[in-house]
Amino acid sequence: MNRMKWILAGILLTAGSSYAQDAPKAEVSAGYSYLRLGGSGGVNQSGASFSVAGNVNSWFGVVGDLGFYHSSPSGVGVNTVTFLVGPRFSARSRSRATPFVQALAGGAHLSAGANGVSASVTPFAYSVGGGVDLRLSSRVAFRPQMDYIGMRSEGQTVNALRASFGLVFRFGSR
């Protein structure tokens, strides 16, 4: 009986470690993004976001995120570029859904121009958000995501909300 307990414990430990290897080594995502730059008097921008993540294990990874957004309210061209990096925590399971949260920091570049006059600023930026990867196949997932992005320069913070959706491509396995 005692021997059966050890065999069962060994099987459970081996199964758990082999399941942890189901995490991809790397993930690349690309998709459409809507950015609400500023609060109630803000600007709506459309664009694209891209990310690359390297997964250290089944629940922890490091992600780099790049976003490009544009709008032309009242004939003024407004462009925002975000470049952020930081940790991502994923809750992987056998289901088709893998929820995640992330906290990123980096910078942003905001520029505006009209009638030959332009201005720009490159503030410190940070982001907190998350989403869920909905598996379509073993190597592709659909990702809806929501993030808060803060951009801080000269004592002022511009608040932004980003809603994105796109595809995730998974490479390798851990």
N, C-alpha and C. Protein backbone atom coordinates (compact mmCIF):
# COMPACT_ATOMS: atom_id res chain seq x y z
N MET A 1 0.82 -1.19 0.00
CA MET A 1 0.00 0.00 0.00
C MET A 1 0.86 1.26 0.00
N ASN A 2 1.92 1.24 0.83
CA ASN A 2 2.82 2.38 0.90
C ASN A 2 3.52 2.62 -0.44
N ARG A 3 3.86 1.52 -1.11
CA ARG A 3 4.51 1.62 -2.42
C ARG A 3 3.56 2.25 -3.44
N MET A 4 2.28 1.91 -3.40
CA MET A 4 1.28 2.48 -4.32
C MET A 4 1.16 3.99 -4.13
N LYS A 5 1.26 4.47 -2.90
CA LYS A 5 1.20 5.91 -2.64
C LYS A 5 2.37 6.61 -3.32
N TRP A 6 3.57 6.03 -3.23
CA TRP A 6 4.74 6.63 -3.86
C TRP A 6 4.63 6.63 -5.38
N ILE A 7 4.12 5.57 -5.94
CA ILE A 7 3.93 5.49 -7.40
C ILE A 7 2.91 6.53 -7.85
N LEU A 8 1.80 6.64 -7.14
CA LEU A 8 0.77 7.63 -7.47
C LEU A 8 1.33 9.05 -7.35
N ALA A 9 2.08 9.32 -6.29
CA ALA A 9 2.69 10.64 -6.13
C ALA A 9 3.66 10.94 -7.27
N GLY A 10 4.43 9.96 -7.69
CA GLY A 10 5.37 10.14 -8.81
C GLY A 10 4.64 10.44 -10.11
N ILE A 11 3.54 9.74 -10.36
CA ILE A 11 2.75 9.98 -11.58
C ILE A 11 2.17 11.39 -11.57
N LEU A 12 1.62 11.81 -10.44
CA LEU A 12 1.05 13.15 -10.34
C LEU A 12 2.10 14.23 -10.54
N LEU A 13 3.27 14.07 -9.93
CA LEU A 13 4.34 15.06 -10.09
C LEU A 13 4.83 15.12 -11.54
N THR A 14 4.97 13.98 -12.18
CA THR A 14 5.42 13.94 -13.57
C THR A 14 4.38 14.56 -14.49
N ALA A 15 3.10 14.27 -14.26
CA ALA A 15 2.04 14.83 -15.10
C ALA A 15 1.98 16.34 -14.95
N GLY A 16 2.16 16.84 -13.73
CA GLY A 16 2.13 18.29 -13.51
C GLY A 16 3.27 19.00 -14.20
N SER A 17 4.48 18.42 -14.14
CA SER A 17 5.61 19.08 -14.79
C SER A 17 5.50 19.00 -16.30
N SER A 18 4.95 17.92 -16.85
CA SER A 18 4.81 17.86 -18.30
C SER A 18 3.72 18.81 -18.78
N TYR A 19 2.69 19.04 -17.97
CA TYR A 19 1.67 20.00 -18.37
C TYR A 19 2.22 21.42 -18.37
N ALA A 20 3.11 21.73 -17.44
CA ALA A 20 3.70 23.07 -17.38
C ALA A 20 4.48 23.37 -18.64
N GLN A 21 4.89 22.36 -19.39
CA GLN A 21 5.63 22.57 -20.62
C GLN A 21 4.71 22.98 -21.76
N ASP A 22 3.41 23.00 -21.58
CA ASP A 22 2.47 23.40 -22.63
C ASP A 22 2.56 24.88 -22.96
N ALA A 23 3.21 25.68 -22.15
CA ALA A 23 3.34 27.11 -22.41
C ALA A 23 4.27 27.33 -23.59
N PRO A 24 3.92 28.23 -24.51
CA PRO A 24 4.82 28.52 -25.62
C PRO A 24 6.06 29.28 -25.14
N LYS A 25 7.18 29.09 -25.82
CA LYS A 25 8.39 29.84 -25.48
C LYS A 25 8.22 31.31 -25.82
N ALA A 26 7.55 31.57 -26.94
CA ALA A 26 7.37 32.96 -27.39
C ALA A 26 5.98 33.14 -28.00
N GLU A 27 5.48 34.37 -27.88
CA GLU A 27 4.19 34.73 -28.47
C GLU A 27 4.35 36.07 -29.18
N VAL A 28 3.80 36.16 -30.38
CA VAL A 28 3.81 37.40 -31.15
C VAL A 28 2.36 37.73 -31.46
N SER A 29 1.95 38.98 -31.17
CA SER A 29 0.56 39.36 -31.45
C SER A 29 0.52 40.65 -32.25
N ALA A 30 -0.54 40.78 -33.02
CA ALA A 30 -0.78 41.99 -33.81
C ALA A 30 -2.29 42.17 -33.92
N GLY A 31 -2.73 43.44 -33.85
CA GLY A 31 -4.16 43.67 -33.95
C GLY A 31 -4.55 45.13 -34.03
N TYR A 32 -5.84 45.35 -34.13
CA TYR A 32 -6.43 46.69 -34.16
C TYR A 32 -6.53 47.22 -32.74
N SER A 33 -6.29 48.53 -32.57
CA SER A 33 -6.43 49.16 -31.26
C SER A 33 -7.19 50.47 -31.37
N TYR A 34 -8.06 50.69 -30.39
CA TYR A 34 -8.76 51.96 -30.22
C TYR A 34 -8.17 52.61 -28.97
N LEU A 35 -7.72 53.86 -29.08
CA LEU A 35 -7.12 54.57 -27.95
C LEU A 35 -7.95 55.80 -27.66
N ARG A 36 -8.40 55.93 -26.43
CA ARG A 36 -9.08 57.15 -25.97
C ARG A 36 -8.03 57.95 -25.23
N LEU A 37 -7.48 58.98 -25.89
CA LEU A 37 -6.40 59.79 -25.36
C LEU A 37 -7.00 60.96 -24.59
N GLY A 38 -6.85 60.96 -23.27
CA GLY A 38 -7.44 62.01 -22.43
C GLY A 38 -8.81 61.58 -21.95
N GLY A 39 -9.36 62.36 -21.05
CA GLY A 39 -10.66 62.03 -20.45
C GLY A 39 -11.84 62.44 -21.31
N SER A 40 -12.82 63.09 -20.70
CA SER A 40 -14.05 63.44 -21.41
C SER A 40 -13.82 64.41 -22.56
N GLY A 41 -12.80 65.24 -22.49
CA GLY A 41 -12.49 66.15 -23.59
C GLY A 41 -11.38 65.60 -24.47
N GLY A 42 -11.18 64.30 -24.45
CA GLY A 42 -10.06 63.68 -25.15
C GLY A 42 -10.30 63.43 -26.62
N VAL A 43 -9.39 62.69 -27.19
CA VAL A 43 -9.38 62.40 -28.61
C VAL A 43 -9.49 60.89 -28.82
N ASN A 44 -10.32 60.48 -29.76
CA ASN A 44 -10.43 59.07 -30.14
C ASN A 44 -9.43 58.79 -31.25
N GLN A 45 -8.61 57.76 -31.07
CA GLN A 45 -7.62 57.39 -32.07
C GLN A 45 -7.75 55.91 -32.43
N SER A 46 -7.52 55.61 -33.69
CA SER A 46 -7.49 54.23 -34.17
C SER A 46 -6.07 53.89 -34.56
N GLY A 47 -5.73 52.62 -34.48
CA GLY A 47 -4.39 52.23 -34.85
C GLY A 47 -4.15 50.75 -34.71
N ALA A 48 -2.91 50.41 -34.46
CA ALA A 48 -2.50 49.01 -34.36
C ALA A 48 -1.54 48.85 -33.19
N SER A 49 -1.57 47.66 -32.62
CA SER A 49 -0.62 47.35 -31.55
C SER A 49 0.02 46.00 -31.84
N PHE A 50 1.27 45.88 -31.42
CA PHE A 50 2.06 44.68 -31.64
C PHE A 50 2.76 44.34 -30.33
N SER A 51 2.90 43.05 -30.05
CA SER A 51 3.66 42.66 -28.86
C SER A 51 4.44 41.38 -29.13
N VAL A 52 5.54 41.25 -28.41
CA VAL A 52 6.36 40.05 -28.44
C VAL A 52 6.60 39.68 -26.99
N ALA A 53 6.34 38.42 -26.65
CA ALA A 53 6.53 37.96 -25.27
C ALA A 53 7.40 36.72 -25.26
N GLY A 54 8.31 36.68 -24.32
CA GLY A 54 9.09 35.47 -24.04
C GLY A 54 8.63 34.92 -22.70
N ASN A 55 8.21 33.68 -22.70
CA ASN A 55 7.69 33.07 -21.47
C ASN A 55 8.79 32.33 -20.73
N VAL A 56 9.02 32.71 -19.49
CA VAL A 56 10.03 32.07 -18.64
C VAL A 56 9.52 30.71 -18.16
N ASN A 57 8.23 30.66 -17.83
CA ASN A 57 7.60 29.40 -17.43
C ASN A 57 6.13 29.47 -17.84
N SER A 58 5.28 28.62 -17.28
CA SER A 58 3.89 28.57 -17.72
C SER A 58 3.07 29.78 -17.27
N TRP A 59 3.54 30.55 -16.28
CA TRP A 59 2.73 31.66 -15.76
C TRP A 59 3.41 33.02 -15.84
N PHE A 60 4.72 33.09 -16.11
CA PHE A 60 5.45 34.36 -16.11
C PHE A 60 6.17 34.58 -17.43
N GLY A 61 6.01 35.78 -17.99
CA GLY A 61 6.71 36.13 -19.21
C GLY A 61 7.11 37.59 -19.19
N VAL A 62 7.96 37.97 -20.14
CA VAL A 62 8.37 39.35 -20.31
C VAL A 62 7.89 39.78 -21.69
N VAL A 63 7.19 40.94 -21.73
CA VAL A 63 6.55 41.38 -22.97
C VAL A 63 7.05 42.77 -23.39
N GLY A 64 7.19 42.95 -24.67
CA GLY A 64 7.45 44.26 -25.26
C GLY A 64 6.24 44.62 -26.11
N ASP A 65 5.73 45.84 -25.96
CA ASP A 65 4.49 46.25 -26.62
C ASP A 65 4.74 47.56 -27.38
N LEU A 66 4.28 47.62 -28.62
CA LEU A 66 4.44 48.80 -29.47
C LEU A 66 3.09 49.13 -30.07
N GLY A 67 2.67 50.39 -29.95
CA GLY A 67 1.38 50.81 -30.49
C GLY A 67 1.49 52.07 -31.33
N PHE A 68 0.71 52.13 -32.40
CA PHE A 68 0.65 53.30 -33.30
C PHE A 68 -0.81 53.71 -33.44
N TYR A 69 -1.12 55.00 -33.18
CA TYR A 69 -2.51 55.48 -33.20
C TYR A 69 -2.56 56.83 -33.91
N HIS A 70 -3.68 57.10 -34.60
CA HIS A 70 -3.81 58.35 -35.36
C HIS A 70 -5.27 58.83 -35.33
N SER A 71 -5.42 60.14 -35.38
CA SER A 71 -6.74 60.76 -35.57
C SER A 71 -6.53 62.14 -36.19
N SER A 72 -7.61 62.71 -36.72
CA SER A 72 -7.56 64.06 -37.33
C SER A 72 -8.77 64.88 -36.89
N PRO A 73 -8.88 65.20 -35.59
CA PRO A 73 -10.02 66.01 -35.16
C PRO A 73 -9.87 67.45 -35.65
N SER A 74 -10.91 67.97 -36.27
CA SER A 74 -10.95 69.36 -36.77
C SER A 74 -9.76 69.69 -37.67
N GLY A 75 -9.29 68.71 -38.43
CA GLY A 75 -8.19 68.94 -39.36
C GLY A 75 -6.81 68.94 -38.75
N VAL A 76 -6.70 68.64 -37.47
CA VAL A 76 -5.40 68.56 -36.79
C VAL A 76 -4.99 67.09 -36.73
N GLY A 77 -3.84 66.77 -37.30
CA GLY A 77 -3.33 65.40 -37.25
C GLY A 77 -2.71 65.12 -35.90
N VAL A 78 -3.22 64.12 -35.20
CA VAL A 78 -2.70 63.74 -33.88
C VAL A 78 -2.20 62.30 -33.97
N ASN A 79 -0.94 62.10 -33.63
CA ASN A 79 -0.32 60.77 -33.65
C ASN A 79 0.22 60.42 -32.27
N THR A 80 0.03 59.17 -31.89
CA THR A 80 0.57 58.66 -30.63
C THR A 80 1.28 57.35 -30.92
N VAL A 81 2.48 57.22 -30.39
CA VAL A 81 3.23 55.97 -30.47
C VAL A 81 3.60 55.59 -29.04
N THR A 82 3.31 54.35 -28.64
CA THR A 82 3.68 53.87 -27.31
C THR A 82 4.70 52.74 -27.46
N PHE A 83 5.68 52.71 -26.56
CA PHE A 83 6.68 51.64 -26.55
C PHE A 83 6.92 51.28 -25.08
N LEU A 84 6.50 50.06 -24.72
CA LEU A 84 6.45 49.63 -23.32
C LEU A 84 7.02 48.23 -23.16
N VAL A 85 7.51 47.94 -21.97
CA VAL A 85 8.05 46.61 -21.67
C VAL A 85 7.78 46.28 -20.20
N GLY A 86 7.60 44.99 -19.89
CA GLY A 86 7.38 44.59 -18.51
C GLY A 86 6.90 43.17 -18.37
N PRO A 87 6.51 42.79 -17.15
CA PRO A 87 6.07 41.41 -16.88
C PRO A 87 4.62 41.15 -17.26
N ARG A 88 4.36 39.91 -17.63
CA ARG A 88 3.00 39.43 -17.89
C ARG A 88 2.79 38.16 -17.08
N PHE A 89 1.64 38.06 -16.42
CA PHE A 89 1.28 36.89 -15.63
C PHE A 89 0.07 36.23 -16.27
N SER A 90 0.21 34.96 -16.65
CA SER A 90 -0.84 34.22 -17.34
C SER A 90 -1.35 33.09 -16.47
N ALA A 91 -2.64 32.81 -16.55
CA ALA A 91 -3.25 31.70 -15.82
C ALA A 91 -3.61 30.61 -16.83
N ARG A 92 -2.64 29.79 -17.15
CA ARG A 92 -2.84 28.74 -18.15
C ARG A 92 -3.54 27.54 -17.53
N SER A 93 -4.42 26.95 -18.30
CA SER A 93 -5.11 25.74 -17.87
C SER A 93 -5.42 24.92 -19.13
N ARG A 94 -6.12 23.87 -18.95
CA ARG A 94 -6.46 23.02 -20.10
C ARG A 94 -7.61 23.61 -20.93
N SER A 95 -8.22 24.68 -20.46
CA SER A 95 -9.34 25.27 -21.22
C SER A 95 -8.81 26.04 -22.42
N ARG A 96 -9.69 26.49 -23.27
CA ARG A 96 -9.33 27.25 -24.47
C ARG A 96 -8.97 28.69 -24.13
N ALA A 97 -9.24 29.14 -22.93
CA ALA A 97 -9.01 30.54 -22.53
C ALA A 97 -7.80 30.65 -21.60
N THR A 98 -6.92 31.59 -21.90
CA THR A 98 -5.77 31.89 -21.04
C THR A 98 -5.82 33.36 -20.67
N PRO A 99 -6.37 33.70 -19.50
CA PRO A 99 -6.38 35.10 -19.08
C PRO A 99 -4.99 35.55 -18.63
N PHE A 100 -4.73 36.85 -18.76
CA PHE A 100 -3.43 37.39 -18.35
C PHE A 100 -3.59 38.83 -17.87
N VAL A 101 -2.63 39.25 -17.05
CA VAL A 101 -2.52 40.64 -16.62
C VAL A 101 -1.06 41.05 -16.84
N GLN A 102 -0.85 42.36 -17.06
CA GLN A 102 0.50 42.84 -17.28
C GLN A 102 0.65 44.25 -16.75
N ALA A 103 1.88 44.61 -16.41
CA ALA A 103 2.22 45.95 -15.95
C ALA A 103 3.47 46.37 -16.72
N LEU A 104 3.35 47.39 -17.54
CA LEU A 104 4.44 47.77 -18.44
C LEU A 104 4.87 49.21 -18.18
N ALA A 105 6.10 49.53 -18.56
CA ALA A 105 6.62 50.89 -18.45
C ALA A 105 7.51 51.16 -19.65
N GLY A 106 7.63 52.42 -20.00
CA GLY A 106 8.47 52.81 -21.14
C GLY A 106 8.22 54.26 -21.50
N GLY A 107 7.81 54.49 -22.72
CA GLY A 107 7.58 55.85 -23.17
C GLY A 107 6.50 55.93 -24.21
N ALA A 108 6.22 57.17 -24.60
CA ALA A 108 5.24 57.45 -25.66
C ALA A 108 5.75 58.65 -26.43
N HIS A 109 5.33 58.76 -27.66
CA HIS A 109 5.65 59.95 -28.45
C HIS A 109 4.33 60.48 -29.00
N LEU A 110 3.99 61.70 -28.60
CA LEU A 110 2.77 62.34 -29.06
C LEU A 110 3.14 63.50 -29.96
N SER A 111 2.48 63.61 -31.10
CA SER A 111 2.74 64.73 -32.00
C SER A 111 1.42 65.20 -32.59
N ALA A 112 1.36 66.49 -32.89
CA ALA A 112 0.17 67.09 -33.50
C ALA A 112 0.64 68.13 -34.50
N GLY A 113 -0.11 68.26 -35.58
CA GLY A 113 0.26 69.25 -36.59
C GLY A 113 -0.91 69.65 -37.45
N ALA A 114 -0.89 70.93 -37.87
CA ALA A 114 -1.90 71.47 -38.78
C ALA A 114 -1.34 72.72 -39.44
N ASN A 115 -1.62 72.89 -40.72
CA ASN A 115 -1.22 74.09 -41.46
C ASN A 115 0.27 74.39 -41.33
N GLY A 116 1.11 73.37 -41.37
CA GLY A 116 2.55 73.56 -41.31
C GLY A 116 3.12 73.81 -39.93
N VAL A 117 2.29 73.82 -38.90
CA VAL A 117 2.75 74.01 -37.52
C VAL A 117 2.62 72.67 -36.79
N SER A 118 3.67 72.27 -36.09
CA SER A 118 3.61 71.00 -35.37
C SER A 118 4.30 71.12 -34.01
N ALA A 119 3.95 70.19 -33.15
CA ALA A 119 4.55 70.10 -31.82
C ALA A 119 4.59 68.63 -31.42
N SER A 120 5.53 68.28 -30.55
CA SER A 120 5.60 66.90 -30.08
C SER A 120 6.19 66.86 -28.68
N VAL A 121 5.94 65.76 -28.00
CA VAL A 121 6.48 65.51 -26.67
C VAL A 121 6.68 64.01 -26.54
N THR A 122 7.68 63.60 -25.76
CA THR A 122 7.95 62.19 -25.52
C THR A 122 7.97 61.94 -24.01
N PRO A 123 6.79 61.66 -23.42
CA PRO A 123 6.72 61.46 -21.97
C PRO A 123 7.01 60.02 -21.55
N PHE A 124 7.28 59.86 -20.25
CA PHE A 124 7.33 58.54 -19.63
C PHE A 124 5.93 57.96 -19.70
N ALA A 125 5.81 56.67 -19.99
CA ALA A 125 4.49 56.03 -20.07
C ALA A 125 4.49 54.73 -19.26
N TYR A 126 3.34 54.40 -18.73
CA TYR A 126 3.15 53.15 -18.00
C TYR A 126 1.77 52.62 -18.32
N SER A 127 1.62 51.32 -18.17
CA SER A 127 0.36 50.68 -18.55
C SER A 127 0.06 49.53 -17.60
N VAL A 128 -1.22 49.38 -17.28
CA VAL A 128 -1.70 48.24 -16.50
C VAL A 128 -2.94 47.73 -17.20
N GLY A 129 -3.00 46.44 -17.43
CA GLY A 129 -4.17 45.90 -18.11
C GLY A 129 -4.10 44.40 -18.22
N GLY A 130 -4.93 43.90 -19.11
CA GLY A 130 -4.97 42.46 -19.30
C GLY A 130 -5.95 42.07 -20.37
N GLY A 131 -6.05 40.79 -20.55
CA GLY A 131 -6.94 40.27 -21.58
C GLY A 131 -7.05 38.77 -21.44
N VAL A 132 -7.48 38.16 -22.52
CA VAL A 132 -7.61 36.71 -22.55
C VAL A 132 -7.27 36.22 -23.95
N ASP A 133 -6.46 35.17 -24.01
CA ASP A 133 -6.16 34.52 -25.27
C ASP A 133 -7.14 33.36 -25.44
N LEU A 134 -7.91 33.41 -26.51
CA LEU A 134 -8.90 32.37 -26.81
C LEU A 134 -8.33 31.49 -27.91
N ARG A 135 -7.93 30.30 -27.56
CA ARG A 135 -7.23 29.40 -28.48
C ARG A 135 -8.10 29.04 -29.68
N LEU A 136 -7.57 29.26 -30.87
CA LEU A 136 -8.21 28.85 -32.11
C LEU A 136 -7.60 27.55 -32.62
N SER A 137 -6.28 27.39 -32.39
CA SER A 137 -5.56 26.15 -32.71
C SER A 137 -4.39 26.07 -31.74
N SER A 138 -3.55 25.08 -31.88
CA SER A 138 -2.42 24.94 -30.95
C SER A 138 -1.42 26.08 -31.10
N ARG A 139 -1.40 26.78 -32.22
CA ARG A 139 -0.42 27.84 -32.46
C ARG A 139 -1.02 29.22 -32.67
N VAL A 140 -2.35 29.34 -32.68
CA VAL A 140 -3.00 30.64 -32.94
C VAL A 140 -4.12 30.87 -31.92
N ALA A 141 -4.22 32.11 -31.45
CA ALA A 141 -5.30 32.48 -30.52
C ALA A 141 -5.84 33.86 -30.90
N PHE A 142 -7.07 34.12 -30.51
CA PHE A 142 -7.70 35.43 -30.66
C PHE A 142 -7.57 36.14 -29.32
N ARG A 143 -7.15 37.43 -29.34
CA ARG A 143 -6.90 38.15 -28.09
C ARG A 143 -7.70 39.46 -28.01
N PRO A 144 -8.71 39.54 -27.16
CA PRO A 144 -9.27 40.84 -26.76
C PRO A 144 -8.49 41.33 -25.53
N GLN A 145 -8.28 42.64 -25.45
CA GLN A 145 -7.44 43.18 -24.37
C GLN A 145 -7.87 44.60 -24.04
N MET A 146 -7.77 44.98 -22.75
CA MET A 146 -8.05 46.35 -22.27
C MET A 146 -6.87 46.80 -21.42
N ASP A 147 -6.45 48.06 -21.62
CA ASP A 147 -5.32 48.59 -20.86
C ASP A 147 -5.57 50.05 -20.49
N TYR A 148 -5.09 50.43 -19.33
CA TYR A 148 -4.98 51.83 -18.95
C TYR A 148 -3.55 52.24 -19.28
N ILE A 149 -3.37 53.39 -19.91
CA ILE A 149 -2.04 53.91 -20.21
C ILE A 149 -1.95 55.32 -19.64
N GLY A 150 -0.95 55.55 -18.82
CA GLY A 150 -0.67 56.88 -18.28
C GLY A 150 0.59 57.43 -18.93
N MET A 151 0.54 58.70 -19.33
CA MET A 151 1.71 59.34 -19.94
C MET A 151 2.03 60.58 -19.12
N ARG A 152 3.22 60.60 -18.52
CA ARG A 152 3.57 61.65 -17.56
C ARG A 152 4.73 62.49 -18.07
N SER A 153 4.51 63.83 -18.11
CA SER A 153 5.54 64.77 -18.54
C SER A 153 5.34 66.11 -17.84
N GLU A 154 6.41 66.65 -17.29
CA GLU A 154 6.41 67.96 -16.64
C GLU A 154 5.31 68.10 -15.59
N GLY A 155 5.14 67.07 -14.78
CA GLY A 155 4.17 67.11 -13.69
C GLY A 155 2.72 66.88 -14.09
N GLN A 156 2.46 66.64 -15.35
CA GLN A 156 1.10 66.40 -15.84
C GLN A 156 0.98 64.96 -16.33
N THR A 157 -0.18 64.36 -16.10
CA THR A 157 -0.45 63.01 -16.58
C THR A 157 -1.61 63.04 -17.56
N VAL A 158 -1.39 62.46 -18.73
CA VAL A 158 -2.46 62.26 -19.71
C VAL A 158 -2.91 60.81 -19.55
N ASN A 159 -4.18 60.61 -19.27
CA ASN A 159 -4.75 59.28 -19.10
C ASN A 159 -5.30 58.79 -20.43
N ALA A 160 -5.13 57.50 -20.70
CA ALA A 160 -5.65 56.91 -21.92
C ALA A 160 -6.17 55.51 -21.62
N LEU A 161 -7.17 55.11 -22.36
CA LEU A 161 -7.68 53.73 -22.31
C LEU A 161 -7.51 53.13 -23.69
N ARG A 162 -7.04 51.88 -23.72
CA ARG A 162 -6.84 51.20 -24.99
C ARG A 162 -7.65 49.91 -25.00
N ALA A 163 -8.41 49.72 -26.06
CA ALA A 163 -9.13 48.47 -26.30
C ALA A 163 -8.57 47.88 -27.59
N SER A 164 -8.15 46.64 -27.53
CA SER A 164 -7.51 45.99 -28.68
C SER A 164 -8.10 44.62 -28.92
N PHE A 165 -7.98 44.17 -30.15
CA PHE A 165 -8.25 42.77 -30.45
C PHE A 165 -7.38 42.37 -31.63
N GLY A 166 -6.92 41.14 -31.63
CA GLY A 166 -6.05 40.68 -32.71
C GLY A 166 -5.73 39.21 -32.56
N LEU A 167 -4.71 38.79 -33.28
CA LEU A 167 -4.29 37.40 -33.28
C LEU A 167 -2.96 37.24 -32.57
N VAL A 168 -2.80 36.09 -31.92
CA VAL A 168 -1.56 35.73 -31.23
C VAL A 168 -1.00 34.48 -31.91
N PHE A 169 0.28 34.53 -32.22
CA PHE A 169 0.96 33.38 -32.82
C PHE A 169 1.96 32.86 -31.81
N ARG A 170 1.89 31.56 -31.53
CA ARG A 170 2.70 30.93 -30.48
C ARG A 170 3.80 30.08 -31.11
N PHE A 171 5.01 30.18 -30.51
CA PHE A 171 6.16 29.47 -31.03
C PHE A 171 6.83 28.66 -29.93
N GLY A 172 7.22 27.41 -30.27
CA GLY A 172 7.92 26.56 -29.31
C GLY A 172 7.04 26.14 -28.17
N SER A 173 7.63 25.43 -27.21
CA SER A 173 6.90 25.06 -26.00
C SER A 173 7.89 24.90 -24.86
N ARG A 174 7.40 25.18 -23.66
CA ARG A 174 8.21 25.08 -22.44
C ARG A 174 7.84 23.82 -21.70
